[in-house]
Amino acid sequence: MKKTFLIGSLVGLFFMLFLATAVNAAVTITQNTFVNCSIGHCFNVTAGVSDTAGGLNITQTNISRSSGTCQYYSNTTSGNSFNVIYNCSGTALTSTDIIVGFTNASNDYFNTTQSSNTYPNNAPTISAGAIIIDSHESSDTTTVSASDADSDSLNYSVTAVGDSSLVSCTISGNILTATRVNDTKPTATTNCTVSVTDGTVTSSAVFTITVNRKSMLQIYDLDVYVDGERDSNLDDGETISDKAKPESTVKFDFVIKSLFDEDDEDEEDIEIENIFITVTIKNIDDEGDDDLEEETKEFDLNADEKSSTKSVEFDIPMAVDEGDYEIEIVVEGEEKESNVEHKVEWTLTLRVEKEKHDMDLKRAEFDQTALSCDRETTFNVKLVNFGSSDEDEIILTVENAALGINIKEEDLEIDEGDDWSKSYTITVGDDILPGTYKGLTKVYYDSSDYYDKEFILNAYGSTDLVISKCVVTIPVEEEEEEEDIIIVEPEEGEEETTGGEVTREISFMDTSLYLVLLVTSVVILAGIFLTMIFRLFPKR
């Protein structure tokens, strides 16, 4: 019995071993395959297994690598097949060893044979470019365009300069600067080579550098006048010392010079023609978003005349804000024979300052300043707030006691940069004697100033109104053309005028009213005389 059991056990054991061997024999491994990423230092590795028990019999996978990191990406099952994909990333151009393993439902483990792959790297790309150093410039810059598909940090460097006697090249970040080395050379072209690296691979590009002959135009001297105050010998980049205010006059006096050497036979006959100066004050118009620009007429500089003096003048707008304003100065012309351009560019700064309270009496005057027979005129007033504060308590008075003028405006509101104006009808009475009368205009900031007798007026105006006797004009009939022209000398008290008229001052005794009154008086006196006669000698 025991012998039979032992034999049965051995048969069962051999059967189980047979089954295990049969299972192992039914599993086929698909070895690693690698696909590099198009961007980044990464790749995908794919491995698989074919199991007669079905692909779903695979329950677990794993991956081992010698460098970098790998993460499960995806898997697929189809019939007896099971495939898995891992994504691995690491240092560019570094190799790594990969093994992919599988475990089935029976906890059997299978793995691929170890294989290697290198983490990929995309070289950076760089585009060629060009720099032109104009005649008025000592250097110029350009932005180097480079990129890296792997998003690696890039480092730039200048690796070669074509003609170092003409130009020098430096780079900071991706900004390439080319600097003129020799000011005396004519226009020439060279190049600089710029390299870019991602730390692993380097790419290069050549930049063409054109260096135009240095400008032979020079701002030899510049004086600036602000409301007549002079700031002499200004230079590029400086600030004008005298400060402007609203409606200031700013004048620029230039001395422009040709630098061609009259003692050099190659340069003595070179003429620079069509020269003009443009001066622009940036963003200073009434709206604060546009420029003021003035330009001179064109002129030439030749061998006989190596310098010229020119002026440009501006009026600062009334409604201008306080602050610093950039002044751009450009002098440009061209050589007569070669048409080579010459240009000078300068920048100055103009400072505008305003007082907190600055009310200006812009106008205070009579429309008609002389009255005779017509005794009516108009008085016009205009105030401008040049100050930096809005005003809302302004008091305005216009006075002349003899003429009966007594105008008072209170609580006038005038914002910064704004103006206020008004006209008043003035009628002069017939009883006003001839003479010159002054209309006095006064402006106060508020009532406290108005009642303060010691207050110094900010705005004060005085204008004359002349009153004269009424002059009557008597027309004189013009003689017919065929008759002789008789020139009549004016009598005393008369004044000869144009237009065939004689102007004479008429007294009351020369008027018809005087004649009527005279006749009436004579009649009355005669009646009185006769009445007295009759009373003295009554009838008997």
Protein backbone atom coordinates (compact mmCIF):
# COMPACT_ATOMS: atom_id res chain seq x y z
CA MET A 1 0.00 0.00 0.00
CA LYS A 2 2.73 2.41 0.95
CA LYS A 3 4.63 1.40 -2.14
CA THR A 4 1.62 2.19 -4.30
CA PHE A 5 1.19 5.65 -2.68
CA LEU A 6 4.86 6.48 -3.20
CA ILE A 7 4.69 5.56 -6.86
CA GLY A 8 1.54 7.72 -7.27
CA SER A 9 3.22 10.71 -5.62
CA LEU A 10 6.21 10.47 -7.89
CA VAL A 11 3.98 10.27 -10.94
CA GLY A 12 2.09 13.42 -9.80
CA LEU A 13 5.32 15.32 -9.21
CA PHE A 14 6.63 14.44 -12.64
CA PHE A 15 3.31 15.54 -14.14
CA MET A 16 3.49 18.96 -12.44
CA LEU A 17 7.08 19.40 -13.63
CA PHE A 18 5.93 18.53 -17.09
CA LEU A 19 3.19 21.15 -16.94
CA ALA A 20 5.60 23.82 -15.70
CA THR A 21 8.02 22.95 -18.44
CA ALA A 22 5.22 23.13 -20.95
CA VAL A 23 4.19 26.61 -19.71
CA ASN A 24 7.72 27.95 -19.86
CA ALA A 25 8.11 26.59 -23.31
CA ALA A 26 4.92 28.50 -24.37
CA VAL A 27 6.23 32.01 -23.44
CA THR A 28 8.10 34.06 -26.10
CA ILE A 29 9.88 37.38 -25.28
CA THR A 30 9.92 40.30 -27.73
CA GLN A 31 13.18 42.17 -27.10
CA ASN A 32 13.60 45.90 -26.48
CA THR A 33 13.12 48.39 -29.31
CA PHE A 34 13.94 52.13 -28.92
CA VAL A 35 12.38 55.26 -30.48
CA ASN A 36 14.04 58.60 -29.65
CA CYS A 37 11.88 61.64 -28.84
CA SER A 38 11.88 64.42 -31.45
CA ILE A 39 12.08 67.01 -28.64
CA GLY A 40 13.93 66.51 -25.39
CA HIS A 41 16.54 64.10 -24.15
CA CYS A 42 14.25 61.07 -24.03
CA PHE A 43 13.21 57.86 -25.78
CA ASN A 44 10.49 55.22 -25.65
CA VAL A 45 11.39 51.55 -25.13
CA THR A 46 8.90 48.85 -26.20
CA ALA A 47 9.03 45.16 -25.12
CA GLY A 48 6.52 42.28 -25.23
CA VAL A 49 5.68 38.69 -24.42
CA SER A 50 3.56 36.04 -26.13
CA ASP A 51 1.86 33.62 -23.70
CA THR A 52 -0.20 30.61 -24.75
CA ALA A 53 -2.37 31.29 -21.72
CA GLY A 54 -3.26 34.66 -23.33
CA GLY A 55 -1.97 38.16 -23.08
CA LEU A 56 -4.23 38.81 -20.14
CA ASN A 57 -2.19 36.29 -18.20
CA ILE A 58 0.52 38.94 -17.78
CA THR A 59 -0.24 40.81 -14.59
CA GLN A 60 2.81 43.00 -13.96
CA THR A 61 5.81 44.64 -15.70
CA ASN A 62 8.88 46.49 -14.54
CA ILE A 63 11.95 48.19 -16.00
CA SER A 64 15.51 48.65 -14.83
CA ARG A 65 18.01 51.19 -16.22
CA SER A 66 21.57 52.19 -15.46
CA SER A 67 21.00 55.98 -15.75
CA GLY A 68 18.19 58.50 -16.10
CA THR A 69 14.59 57.84 -15.16
CA CYS A 70 11.90 55.67 -16.79
CA GLN A 71 8.15 55.83 -16.37
CA TYR A 72 5.38 53.52 -17.49
CA TYR A 73 3.72 54.94 -20.60
CA SER A 74 1.17 52.38 -21.92
CA ASN A 75 0.43 48.74 -22.75
CA THR A 76 -1.61 46.78 -25.29
CA THR A 77 -3.05 43.25 -25.30
CA SER A 78 -4.08 41.28 -28.38
CA GLY A 79 -4.73 37.56 -28.19
CA ASN A 80 -1.70 35.87 -26.67
CA SER A 81 0.43 39.03 -27.00
CA PHE A 82 1.15 41.67 -24.39
CA ASN A 83 3.29 44.77 -25.14
CA VAL A 84 4.42 47.54 -22.82
CA ILE A 85 6.02 50.99 -23.46
CA TYR A 86 8.22 52.91 -21.04
CA ASN A 87 9.43 56.50 -21.51
CA CYS A 88 12.98 57.19 -20.34
CA SER A 89 14.78 60.56 -20.03
CA GLY A 90 18.28 61.51 -18.96
CA THR A 91 21.37 63.53 -19.69
CA ALA A 92 21.91 64.26 -23.37
CA LEU A 93 24.19 61.83 -25.18
CA THR A 94 24.50 59.58 -22.09
CA SER A 95 24.06 55.78 -22.59
CA THR A 96 21.81 53.64 -20.39
CA ASP A 97 21.23 49.84 -20.07
CA ILE A 98 17.59 48.71 -20.15
CA ILE A 99 15.89 45.43 -19.00
CA VAL A 100 12.09 45.01 -19.12
CA GLY A 101 10.47 42.29 -17.00
CA PHE A 102 7.04 40.53 -16.99
CA THR A 103 5.15 38.54 -14.33
CA ASN A 104 2.16 36.25 -15.12
CA ALA A 105 -0.77 35.10 -13.05
CA SER A 106 1.22 32.11 -11.83
CA ASN A 107 3.84 34.52 -10.54
CA ASP A 108 6.27 33.38 -13.18
CA TYR A 109 8.83 36.07 -14.17
CA PHE A 110 10.31 36.66 -17.60
CA ASN A 111 12.58 39.51 -18.83
CA THR A 112 14.20 40.89 -21.95
CA THR A 113 17.88 40.67 -22.66
CA GLN A 114 19.80 43.78 -21.50
CA SER A 115 20.22 46.35 -24.27
CA SER A 116 21.52 49.93 -24.44
CA ASN A 117 20.39 53.27 -25.88
CA THR A 118 21.74 56.84 -25.74
CA TYR A 119 19.62 59.78 -24.60
CA PRO A 120 19.29 61.96 -27.73
CA ASN A 121 20.16 65.65 -28.18
CA ASN A 122 18.98 68.22 -30.75
CA ALA A 123 21.60 70.75 -31.78
CA PRO A 124 20.63 74.44 -31.35
CA THR A 125 19.89 76.43 -34.48
CA ILE A 126 21.14 79.97 -35.17
CA SER A 127 20.28 82.41 -37.97
CA ALA A 128 22.78 84.63 -39.75
CA GLY A 129 22.27 88.40 -39.65
CA ALA A 130 23.77 91.78 -40.45
CA ILE A 131 24.72 95.06 -38.78
CA ILE A 132 25.14 98.42 -40.48
CA ILE A 133 27.04 101.10 -38.57
CA ASP A 134 25.78 104.38 -40.03
CA SER A 135 27.98 107.39 -40.56
CA HIS A 136 26.74 109.09 -37.40
CA GLU A 137 27.12 106.00 -35.20
CA SER A 138 30.13 104.58 -33.38
CA SER A 139 28.41 101.20 -32.93
CA ASP A 140 25.22 99.31 -33.57
CA THR A 141 23.56 96.17 -32.25
CA THR A 142 21.38 93.31 -33.37
CA THR A 143 19.54 90.48 -31.63
CA VAL A 144 20.92 87.03 -32.44
CA SER A 145 18.09 84.65 -33.28
CA ALA A 146 18.77 81.12 -31.95
CA SER A 147 16.61 78.30 -30.59
CA ASP A 148 16.87 74.81 -29.13
CA ALA A 149 14.25 72.12 -29.68
CA ASP A 150 15.10 70.56 -26.35
CA SER A 151 14.54 73.89 -24.51
CA ASP A 152 18.14 73.78 -23.26
CA SER A 153 19.78 76.96 -21.96
CA LEU A 154 21.92 78.55 -24.64
CA ASN A 155 25.24 80.36 -24.31
CA TYR A 156 26.51 82.78 -26.96
CA SER A 157 30.03 83.80 -27.91
CA VAL A 158 31.91 85.62 -30.66
CA THR A 159 34.36 83.15 -32.12
CA ALA A 160 35.85 85.13 -35.02
CA VAL A 161 36.17 88.68 -36.40
CA GLY A 162 36.98 89.20 -40.06
CA ASP A 163 38.85 92.54 -39.97
CA SER A 164 39.69 93.56 -36.42
CA SER A 165 41.23 96.82 -37.69
CA LEU A 166 37.81 97.88 -38.92
CA VAL A 167 35.42 96.62 -36.25
CA SER A 168 35.23 94.81 -32.93
CA CYS A 169 32.38 92.46 -31.97
CA THR A 170 31.11 91.63 -28.49
CA ILE A 171 28.03 89.78 -27.30
CA SER A 172 26.02 89.97 -24.09
CA GLY A 173 23.29 87.39 -23.83
CA ASN A 174 21.95 87.31 -27.36
CA ILE A 175 22.73 90.99 -28.16
CA LEU A 176 25.59 91.35 -30.63
CA THR A 177 27.39 94.72 -30.71
CA ALA A 178 29.68 95.84 -33.50
CA THR A 179 31.89 98.86 -32.78
CA ARG A 180 33.79 101.05 -35.23
CA VAL A 181 37.54 100.82 -34.62
CA ASN A 182 38.95 103.25 -37.19
CA ASP A 183 37.19 106.57 -37.85
CA THR A 184 39.27 107.42 -40.92
CA LYS A 185 38.51 104.43 -43.09
CA PRO A 186 36.03 104.69 -45.98
CA THR A 187 32.95 102.50 -46.10
CA ALA A 188 33.88 98.82 -45.81
CA THR A 189 32.37 95.41 -44.99
CA THR A 190 33.61 92.58 -42.80
CA ASN A 191 32.02 89.87 -40.63
CA CYS A 192 31.78 88.37 -37.15
CA THR A 193 31.10 84.71 -36.34
CA VAL A 194 28.72 83.99 -33.47
CA SER A 195 28.45 80.55 -31.86
CA VAL A 196 25.69 79.18 -29.66
CA THR A 197 25.84 76.04 -27.53
CA ASP A 198 23.40 74.05 -25.45
CA GLY A 199 26.26 72.69 -23.38
CA THR A 200 26.66 69.65 -25.59
CA VAL A 201 26.52 70.75 -29.22
CA THR A 202 27.60 74.07 -30.76
CA SER A 203 26.18 75.81 -33.85
CA SER A 204 27.54 78.94 -35.57
CA ALA A 205 26.45 81.69 -37.96
CA VAL A 206 28.23 84.54 -39.75
CA PHE A 207 27.04 88.15 -39.37
CA THR A 208 27.87 90.68 -42.08
CA ILE A 209 29.13 93.99 -40.65
CA THR A 210 29.01 97.11 -42.85
CA VAL A 211 30.87 100.14 -41.49
CA ASN A 212 29.99 103.35 -43.30
CA ARG A 213 32.50 106.16 -43.36
CA LYS A 214 32.20 108.25 -40.22
CA SER A 215 30.04 111.33 -40.67
CA MET A 216 32.06 114.32 -41.79
CA LEU A 217 29.34 116.66 -40.53
CA GLN A 218 29.87 118.06 -37.06
CA ILE A 219 27.80 120.15 -34.67
CA TYR A 220 30.75 122.38 -33.89
CA ASP A 221 28.84 124.63 -31.48
CA LEU A 222 25.32 124.83 -30.07
CA ASP A 223 23.87 127.61 -27.92
CA VAL A 224 20.29 127.43 -26.64
CA TYR A 225 18.27 130.45 -25.49
CA VAL A 226 15.25 130.05 -23.21
CA ASP A 227 13.33 133.35 -23.07
CA GLY A 228 16.57 135.11 -23.93
CA GLU A 229 18.69 133.32 -21.29
CA ARG A 230 21.69 131.68 -22.98
CA ASP A 231 23.17 128.24 -22.32
CA SER A 232 26.42 127.98 -24.29
CA ASN A 233 28.45 125.14 -25.81
CA LEU A 234 25.96 122.37 -25.19
CA ASP A 235 26.97 118.79 -26.00
CA ASP A 236 25.13 115.59 -26.85
CA GLY A 237 23.20 114.14 -23.92
CA GLU A 238 23.17 117.31 -21.79
CA THR A 239 20.25 119.09 -20.13
CA ILE A 240 19.56 122.74 -20.97
CA SER A 241 20.32 124.68 -17.78
CA ASP A 242 17.55 127.29 -18.12
CA LYS A 243 14.06 126.01 -17.46
CA ALA A 244 11.16 126.74 -19.79
CA LYS A 245 7.56 127.53 -18.89
CA PRO A 246 4.30 127.71 -20.84
CA GLU A 247 4.68 129.90 -23.94
CA SER A 248 8.44 130.23 -23.49
CA THR A 249 10.50 130.87 -26.60
CA VAL A 250 13.32 128.37 -27.11
CA LYS A 251 15.94 129.14 -29.75
CA PHE A 252 18.75 126.90 -31.00
CA ASP A 253 21.83 128.49 -32.61
CA PHE A 254 23.99 125.96 -34.50
CA VAL A 255 27.42 126.12 -36.04
CA ILE A 256 27.68 123.18 -38.48
CA LYS A 257 31.11 122.21 -39.79
CA SER A 258 32.54 119.93 -42.48
CA LEU A 259 35.38 117.72 -41.25
CA PHE A 260 36.89 117.10 -44.67
CA ASP A 261 40.51 118.23 -44.57
CA GLU A 262 41.13 121.14 -46.87
CA ASP A 263 44.87 120.33 -46.76
CA ASP A 264 44.27 116.78 -47.98
CA GLU A 265 44.17 116.67 -51.76
CA ASP A 266 41.78 113.72 -51.62
CA GLU A 267 39.29 115.63 -49.46
CA GLU A 268 39.75 119.31 -50.17
CA ASP A 269 37.19 119.38 -52.99
CA ILE A 270 34.52 117.19 -51.39
CA GLU A 271 31.28 119.11 -50.97
CA ILE A 272 28.45 118.11 -48.64
CA GLU A 273 25.16 119.38 -50.04
CA ASN A 274 21.45 119.44 -49.22
CA ILE A 275 22.25 119.74 -45.52
CA PHE A 276 19.35 120.48 -43.19
CA ILE A 277 18.79 120.44 -39.43
CA THR A 278 15.70 118.95 -37.82
CA VAL A 279 14.92 119.71 -34.17
CA THR A 280 12.09 117.78 -32.51
CA ILE A 281 10.75 118.27 -28.98
CA LYS A 282 9.03 114.99 -28.15
CA ASN A 283 5.47 114.76 -26.78
CA ILE A 284 5.12 118.41 -25.81
CA ASP A 285 2.13 119.53 -27.86
CA ASP A 286 -1.11 120.77 -26.26
CA GLU A 287 -2.42 117.21 -26.01
CA GLY A 288 0.85 115.81 -24.63
CA ASP A 289 1.06 113.03 -27.19
CA ASP A 290 2.62 114.66 -30.24
CA ASP A 291 5.86 116.41 -31.16
CA LEU A 292 6.93 119.93 -32.04
CA GLU A 293 9.25 119.90 -35.02
CA GLU A 294 11.11 122.60 -36.90
CA GLU A 295 13.49 122.27 -39.84
CA THR A 296 16.01 124.61 -41.46
CA LYS A 297 16.30 125.32 -45.14
CA GLU A 298 18.89 123.26 -47.01
CA PHE A 299 22.46 124.53 -47.31
CA ASP A 300 25.84 123.31 -48.61
CA LEU A 301 29.37 123.12 -47.21
CA ASN A 302 32.24 123.12 -49.68
CA ALA A 303 35.97 123.68 -49.83
CA ASP A 304 35.57 127.44 -49.54
CA GLU A 305 32.93 127.40 -46.79
CA LYS A 306 33.64 124.78 -44.14
CA SER A 307 31.05 125.94 -41.60
CA SER A 308 27.62 127.53 -41.47
CA THR A 309 25.43 129.09 -38.75
CA LYS A 310 21.74 128.18 -38.59
CA SER A 311 18.92 128.80 -36.09
CA VAL A 312 15.73 127.01 -35.11
CA GLU A 313 13.08 128.52 -32.81
CA PHE A 314 10.08 127.12 -30.91
CA ASP A 315 7.23 128.51 -28.83
CA ILE A 316 6.34 126.17 -25.99
CA PRO A 317 2.57 125.43 -25.93
CA MET A 318 0.37 127.18 -23.38
CA ALA A 319 -1.10 123.90 -22.06
CA VAL A 320 2.10 122.02 -21.26
CA ASP A 321 2.78 119.74 -18.31
CA GLU A 322 5.75 120.05 -16.01
CA GLY A 323 8.57 117.61 -16.65
CA ASP A 324 11.59 116.74 -18.76
CA TYR A 325 11.20 116.63 -22.54
CA GLU A 326 13.56 114.92 -24.96
CA ILE A 327 14.92 117.03 -27.80
CA GLU A 328 16.08 115.12 -30.86
CA ILE A 329 18.54 116.91 -33.16
CA VAL A 330 19.41 115.50 -36.58
CA VAL A 331 21.83 117.09 -39.04
CA GLU A 332 22.04 115.31 -42.37
CA GLY A 333 23.39 115.81 -45.87
CA GLU A 334 25.16 113.95 -48.66
CA GLU A 335 28.35 114.14 -50.68
CA LYS A 336 27.76 115.87 -53.98
CA GLU A 337 29.57 113.35 -56.17
CA SER A 338 29.10 110.04 -54.40
CA ASN A 339 25.75 110.67 -52.64
CA VAL A 340 27.25 109.12 -49.49
CA GLU A 341 25.05 110.14 -46.56
CA HIS A 342 26.44 112.05 -43.60
CA LYS A 343 24.40 112.41 -40.44
CA VAL A 344 24.79 113.63 -36.86
CA GLU A 345 22.27 112.79 -34.13
CA TRP A 346 22.16 114.45 -30.73
CA THR A 347 19.77 114.31 -27.81
CA LEU A 348 19.18 117.10 -25.30
CA THR A 349 16.75 117.49 -22.41
CA LEU A 350 14.47 120.50 -21.87
CA ARG A 351 12.98 120.94 -18.42
CA VAL A 352 9.61 122.68 -18.05
CA GLU A 353 8.63 124.03 -14.64
CA LYS A 354 5.45 125.80 -13.57
CA GLU A 355 4.62 127.87 -10.49
CA LYS A 356 1.77 126.58 -8.35
CA HIS A 357 -0.20 129.80 -8.89
CA ASP A 358 0.49 131.63 -12.14
CA MET A 359 -2.50 133.48 -13.55
CA ASP A 360 -1.66 135.59 -16.59
CA LEU A 361 -3.76 138.54 -17.73
CA LYS A 362 -3.43 137.83 -21.42
CA ARG A 363 -5.73 140.59 -22.61
CA ALA A 364 -7.37 143.65 -21.04
CA GLU A 365 -8.17 146.28 -23.65
CA PHE A 366 -10.82 148.36 -25.38
CA ASP A 367 -11.86 147.42 -28.90
CA GLN A 368 -12.03 151.13 -29.72
CA THR A 369 -9.51 153.12 -27.77
CA ALA A 370 -10.71 156.56 -28.99
CA LEU A 371 -14.32 157.81 -28.75
CA SER A 372 -15.87 160.99 -30.06
CA CYS A 373 -19.48 161.25 -31.17
CA ASP A 374 -20.11 157.50 -30.73
CA ARG A 375 -19.64 156.91 -27.02
CA GLU A 376 -19.86 153.07 -26.94
CA THR A 377 -17.01 150.52 -26.99
CA THR A 378 -16.23 146.96 -25.81
CA PHE A 379 -13.74 145.95 -23.12
CA ASN A 380 -12.22 142.48 -23.60
CA VAL A 381 -10.55 140.38 -20.90
CA LYS A 382 -8.70 137.07 -21.21
CA LEU A 383 -7.06 135.12 -18.35
CA VAL A 384 -4.75 132.11 -18.78
CA ASN A 385 -3.84 129.72 -15.95
CA PHE A 386 -0.16 128.89 -16.47
CA GLY A 387 0.13 127.51 -12.92
CA SER A 388 0.23 123.88 -11.86
CA SER A 389 -2.96 124.21 -9.75
CA ASP A 390 -6.60 124.48 -10.73
CA GLU A 391 -8.11 127.78 -9.57
CA ASP A 392 -11.74 128.19 -8.46
CA GLU A 393 -11.87 131.45 -6.46
CA ILE A 394 -10.43 133.97 -8.90
CA ILE A 395 -11.68 137.56 -8.53
CA LEU A 396 -11.45 139.96 -11.48
CA THR A 397 -12.10 143.72 -11.32
CA VAL A 398 -12.16 146.39 -14.03
CA GLU A 399 -12.53 149.97 -12.78
CA ASN A 400 -12.61 153.64 -13.72
CA ALA A 401 -14.66 155.84 -11.43
CA ALA A 402 -14.81 158.84 -13.80
CA LEU A 403 -16.31 156.72 -16.60
CA GLY A 404 -18.56 154.80 -14.23
CA ILE A 405 -16.82 151.47 -14.96
CA ASN A 406 -17.08 149.11 -11.98
CA ILE A 407 -16.91 145.44 -13.09
CA LYS A 408 -16.36 142.61 -10.63
CA GLU A 409 -16.30 138.83 -11.35
CA GLU A 410 -16.03 136.41 -8.42
CA ASP A 411 -15.29 132.68 -7.96
CA LEU A 412 -14.00 132.19 -11.48
CA GLU A 413 -12.93 128.59 -12.16
CA ILE A 414 -9.93 128.18 -14.44
CA ASP A 415 -8.18 124.79 -14.53
CA GLU A 416 -4.46 124.27 -15.15
CA GLY A 417 -3.65 125.14 -18.75
CA ASP A 418 -7.13 126.57 -19.47
CA ASP A 419 -8.18 130.12 -20.24
CA TRP A 420 -11.21 132.33 -19.52
CA SER A 421 -12.41 135.33 -21.52
CA LYS A 422 -15.31 137.76 -21.54
CA SER A 423 -16.36 141.02 -23.25
CA TYR A 424 -18.16 143.96 -21.62
CA THR A 425 -20.07 146.78 -23.35
CA ILE A 426 -18.89 150.18 -22.10
CA THR A 427 -21.04 153.31 -22.68
CA VAL A 428 -19.54 156.74 -21.92
CA GLY A 429 -21.97 159.51 -20.96
CA ASP A 430 -22.25 162.71 -23.01
CA ASP A 431 -21.31 164.70 -19.95
CA ILE A 432 -17.83 163.13 -19.79
CA LEU A 433 -15.24 165.79 -20.63
CA PRO A 434 -12.61 165.11 -23.30
CA GLY A 435 -9.46 163.50 -21.95
CA THR A 436 -7.55 160.23 -21.47
CA TYR A 437 -9.02 157.74 -19.04
CA LYS A 438 -7.32 154.58 -17.75
CA GLY A 439 -9.18 151.29 -17.33
CA LEU A 440 -7.53 149.34 -14.48
CA THR A 441 -7.81 145.53 -14.46
CA LYS A 442 -6.83 143.53 -11.38
CA VAL A 443 -6.82 139.80 -10.66
CA TYR A 444 -6.85 138.14 -7.22
CA TYR A 445 -6.58 134.44 -6.36
CA ASP A 446 -9.29 134.62 -3.69
CA SER A 447 -11.19 136.97 -1.39
CA SER A 448 -8.38 137.10 1.18
CA ASP A 449 -6.07 138.54 -1.48
CA TYR A 450 -8.80 140.94 -2.56
CA TYR A 451 -9.20 142.46 0.91
CA ASP A 452 -5.47 142.38 1.69
CA LYS A 453 -4.31 145.89 0.85
CA GLU A 454 -0.66 144.81 0.85
CA PHE A 455 -1.21 141.90 -1.53
CA ILE A 456 1.04 142.08 -4.61
CA LEU A 457 -1.11 141.51 -7.64
CA ASN A 458 -0.15 138.61 -9.88
CA ALA A 459 -2.02 140.08 -12.85
CA TYR A 460 -2.52 143.79 -13.44
CA GLY A 461 -3.42 145.73 -16.56
CA SER A 462 -3.92 149.36 -17.52
CA THR A 463 -5.29 150.52 -20.85
CA ASP A 464 -6.17 154.03 -22.08
CA LEU A 465 -9.47 155.24 -23.48
CA VAL A 466 -9.32 158.65 -25.19
CA ILE A 467 -12.48 160.79 -25.21
CA SER A 468 -12.52 163.75 -27.63
CA LYS A 469 -15.04 166.43 -28.76
CA CYS A 470 -17.68 165.33 -31.22
CA VAL A 471 -16.57 166.32 -34.71
CA VAL A 472 -19.25 166.92 -37.39
CA THR A 473 -18.33 166.18 -40.97
CA ILE A 474 -19.91 168.41 -43.68
CA PRO A 475 -19.78 166.93 -47.18
CA VAL A 476 -18.57 169.24 -49.94
CA GLU A 477 -20.18 168.86 -53.35
CA GLU A 478 -17.73 167.68 -55.93
CA GLU A 479 -17.37 169.86 -59.02
CA GLU A 480 -18.11 168.45 -62.43
CA GLU A 481 -15.16 167.09 -64.36
CA GLU A 482 -15.32 169.73 -67.13
CA GLU A 483 -15.08 172.58 -64.64
CA ASP A 484 -11.82 173.83 -63.33
CA ILE A 485 -10.78 172.50 -59.98
CA ILE A 486 -10.62 175.24 -57.39
CA ILE A 487 -8.52 174.61 -54.36
CA VAL A 488 -10.02 176.35 -51.35
CA GLU A 489 -7.74 176.95 -48.43
CA PRO A 490 -9.46 175.94 -45.17
CA GLU A 491 -10.41 178.80 -42.93
CA GLU A 492 -9.14 179.06 -39.41
CA GLY A 493 -10.69 176.33 -37.27
CA GLU A 494 -11.19 174.06 -40.30
CA GLU A 495 -9.19 170.90 -41.20
CA GLU A 496 -8.73 169.46 -44.66
CA THR A 497 -9.63 165.76 -45.05
CA THR A 498 -9.64 163.26 -47.89
CA GLY A 499 -12.66 162.07 -49.85
CA GLY A 500 -13.90 165.53 -50.96
CA GLU A 501 -15.01 166.50 -47.48
CA VAL A 502 -14.10 169.45 -45.27
CA THR A 503 -14.20 168.93 -41.56
CA ARG A 504 -14.92 172.12 -39.52
CA GLU A 505 -15.55 172.61 -35.84
CA ILE A 506 -19.01 174.35 -35.51
CA SER A 507 -19.79 176.71 -32.60
CA PHE A 508 -23.34 177.27 -31.30
CA MET A 509 -23.50 180.76 -32.86
CA ASP A 510 -23.08 179.16 -36.32
CA THR A 511 -26.09 176.92 -35.95
CA SER A 512 -29.65 177.54 -37.24
CA LEU A 513 -30.98 177.16 -33.71
CA TYR A 514 -28.93 180.17 -32.65
CA LEU A 515 -30.43 182.21 -35.55
CA VAL A 516 -33.99 181.27 -34.57
CA LEU A 517 -33.38 182.20 -30.94
CA LEU A 518 -31.77 185.47 -32.00
CA VAL A 519 -34.73 186.52 -34.17
CA THR A 520 -37.19 185.54 -31.45
CA SER A 521 -35.27 187.59 -28.88
CA VAL A 522 -35.26 190.65 -31.16
CA VAL A 523 -39.01 190.41 -31.67
CA ILE A 524 -39.64 190.09 -27.94
CA LEU A 525 -37.34 193.05 -27.17
CA ALA A 526 -39.08 195.14 -29.84
CA GLY A 527 -42.47 194.37 -28.32
CA ILE A 528 -41.27 195.33 -24.88
CA PHE A 529 -39.80 198.60 -26.25
CA LEU A 530 -43.06 199.53 -28.01
CA THR A 531 -45.11 198.74 -24.90
CA MET A 532 -42.95 201.09 -22.83
CA ILE A 533 -43.37 203.88 -25.45
CA PHE A 534 -47.12 203.59 -25.37
CA ARG A 535 -47.20 203.75 -21.60
CA LEU A 536 -44.94 206.81 -21.47
CA PHE A 537 -46.96 208.69 -24.04
CA PRO A 538 -50.57 207.69 -23.62
CA LYS A 539 -53.26 209.04 -25.96
CA ARG A 540 -55.00 212.15 -24.86
